[in-house]
Amino acid sequence: MMTAANEPEAQMPLDIEQHFTIEEIAKKWRMKRDTVYRMFKEEPGVFRPSMGEGERHMTLVPLSVIQRVHRRMEKPPKVAGRVVS
């Protein structure tokens, strides 16, 4: 489907794709909240709605972003063009 500007639409609109909080991801991955926050804080596609002045900010991560980060974490490190096992 094309948008009015003749550009393809995203695969799944933001309002339909399932989103998770940092706390939910940390619990599922059995990691500390701060560690998970650092993993996602600069990741494109993460939603940070304004909760009002003085309120703690909520971070919502779309499932597609979680899957992208997880795939990146699964790749073995490379050293000088070789895969290290």
Protein backbone atom coordinates (compact mmCIF):
# COMPACT_ATOMS: atom_id res chain seq x y z
CA MET A 1 0.00 0.00 0.00
CA MET A 2 1.26 3.50 -0.78
CA THR A 3 0.85 6.64 1.32
CA ALA A 4 -0.40 9.94 -0.01
CA ALA A 5 3.23 10.91 -0.65
CA ASN A 6 3.68 7.76 -2.79
CA GLU A 7 5.96 6.15 -0.21
CA PRO A 8 5.47 2.57 1.02
CA GLU A 9 3.89 2.27 4.45
CA ALA A 10 5.75 0.61 7.32
CA GLN A 11 5.05 -3.10 7.75
CA MET A 12 3.06 -2.58 10.94
CA PRO A 13 1.72 0.80 12.14
CA LEU A 14 2.99 2.00 15.51
CA ASP A 15 -0.47 1.82 17.08
CA ILE A 16 -0.87 -1.88 16.21
CA GLU A 17 2.59 -3.32 16.94
CA GLN A 18 2.98 -4.68 20.46
CA HIS A 19 5.22 -2.57 22.73
CA PHE A 20 7.03 -3.56 25.94
CA THR A 21 8.44 -1.59 28.85
CA ILE A 22 12.09 -1.81 29.85
CA GLU A 23 10.97 -3.63 33.02
CA GLU A 24 9.12 -6.28 31.00
CA ILE A 25 12.12 -6.90 28.74
CA ALA A 26 14.50 -7.05 31.72
CA LYS A 27 12.30 -9.64 33.44
CA LYS A 28 11.96 -11.76 30.29
CA TRP A 29 15.71 -11.63 29.52
CA ARG A 30 16.68 -12.00 33.22
CA MET A 31 18.81 -8.88 33.12
CA LYS A 32 19.03 -5.76 35.27
CA ARG A 33 16.70 -2.93 34.30
CA ASP A 34 19.58 -0.45 33.92
CA THR A 35 21.44 -2.81 31.57
CA VAL A 36 18.38 -3.22 29.35
CA TYR A 37 17.72 0.53 29.42
CA ARG A 38 21.25 1.23 28.16
CA MET A 39 20.76 -1.32 25.37
CA PHE A 40 17.65 0.46 24.07
CA LYS A 41 18.09 4.13 25.00
CA GLU A 42 19.64 5.15 21.65
CA GLU A 43 17.94 2.49 19.53
CA PRO A 44 15.87 3.86 16.62
CA GLY A 45 12.14 3.20 16.92
CA VAL A 46 11.91 3.32 20.72
CA PHE A 47 8.95 5.38 21.95
CA ARG A 48 9.31 7.72 24.93
CA PRO A 49 5.95 9.39 25.59
CA SER A 50 5.97 12.48 27.79
CA MET A 51 4.35 11.68 31.11
CA GLY A 52 4.16 15.30 32.29
CA GLU A 53 6.54 17.55 34.16
CA GLY A 54 8.21 15.89 37.13
CA GLU A 55 6.91 12.45 36.17
CA ARG A 56 9.14 9.48 35.49
CA HIS A 57 9.44 8.88 31.76
CA MET A 58 8.24 5.60 30.33
CA THR A 59 10.14 3.86 27.55
CA LEU A 60 8.13 1.64 25.20
CA VAL A 61 9.99 -0.68 22.86
CA PRO A 62 8.25 -2.14 19.80
CA LEU A 63 8.55 -5.89 19.30
CA SER A 64 10.42 -5.34 16.00
CA VAL A 65 13.12 -3.31 17.82
CA ILE A 66 13.44 -6.00 20.53
CA GLN A 67 13.89 -8.64 17.83
CA ARG A 68 16.52 -6.52 16.03
CA VAL A 69 18.56 -6.02 19.21
CA HIS A 70 18.23 -9.70 20.12
CA ARG A 71 19.51 -10.78 16.68
CA ARG A 72 22.45 -8.40 17.06
CA MET A 73 23.24 -9.90 20.49
CA GLU A 74 23.23 -13.45 19.06
CA LYS A 75 25.92 -12.77 16.45
CA PRO A 76 29.37 -14.03 17.53
CA PRO A 77 32.07 -11.33 17.79
CA LYS A 78 34.53 -10.89 14.94
CA VAL A 79 38.26 -10.32 15.39
CA ALA A 80 40.26 -9.20 12.35
CA GLY A 81 37.69 -10.66 9.96
CA ARG A 82 37.41 -14.01 11.80
CA VAL A 83 34.54 -15.25 13.93
CA VAL A 84 35.63 -15.95 17.49
CA SER A 85 34.04 -18.99 19.17
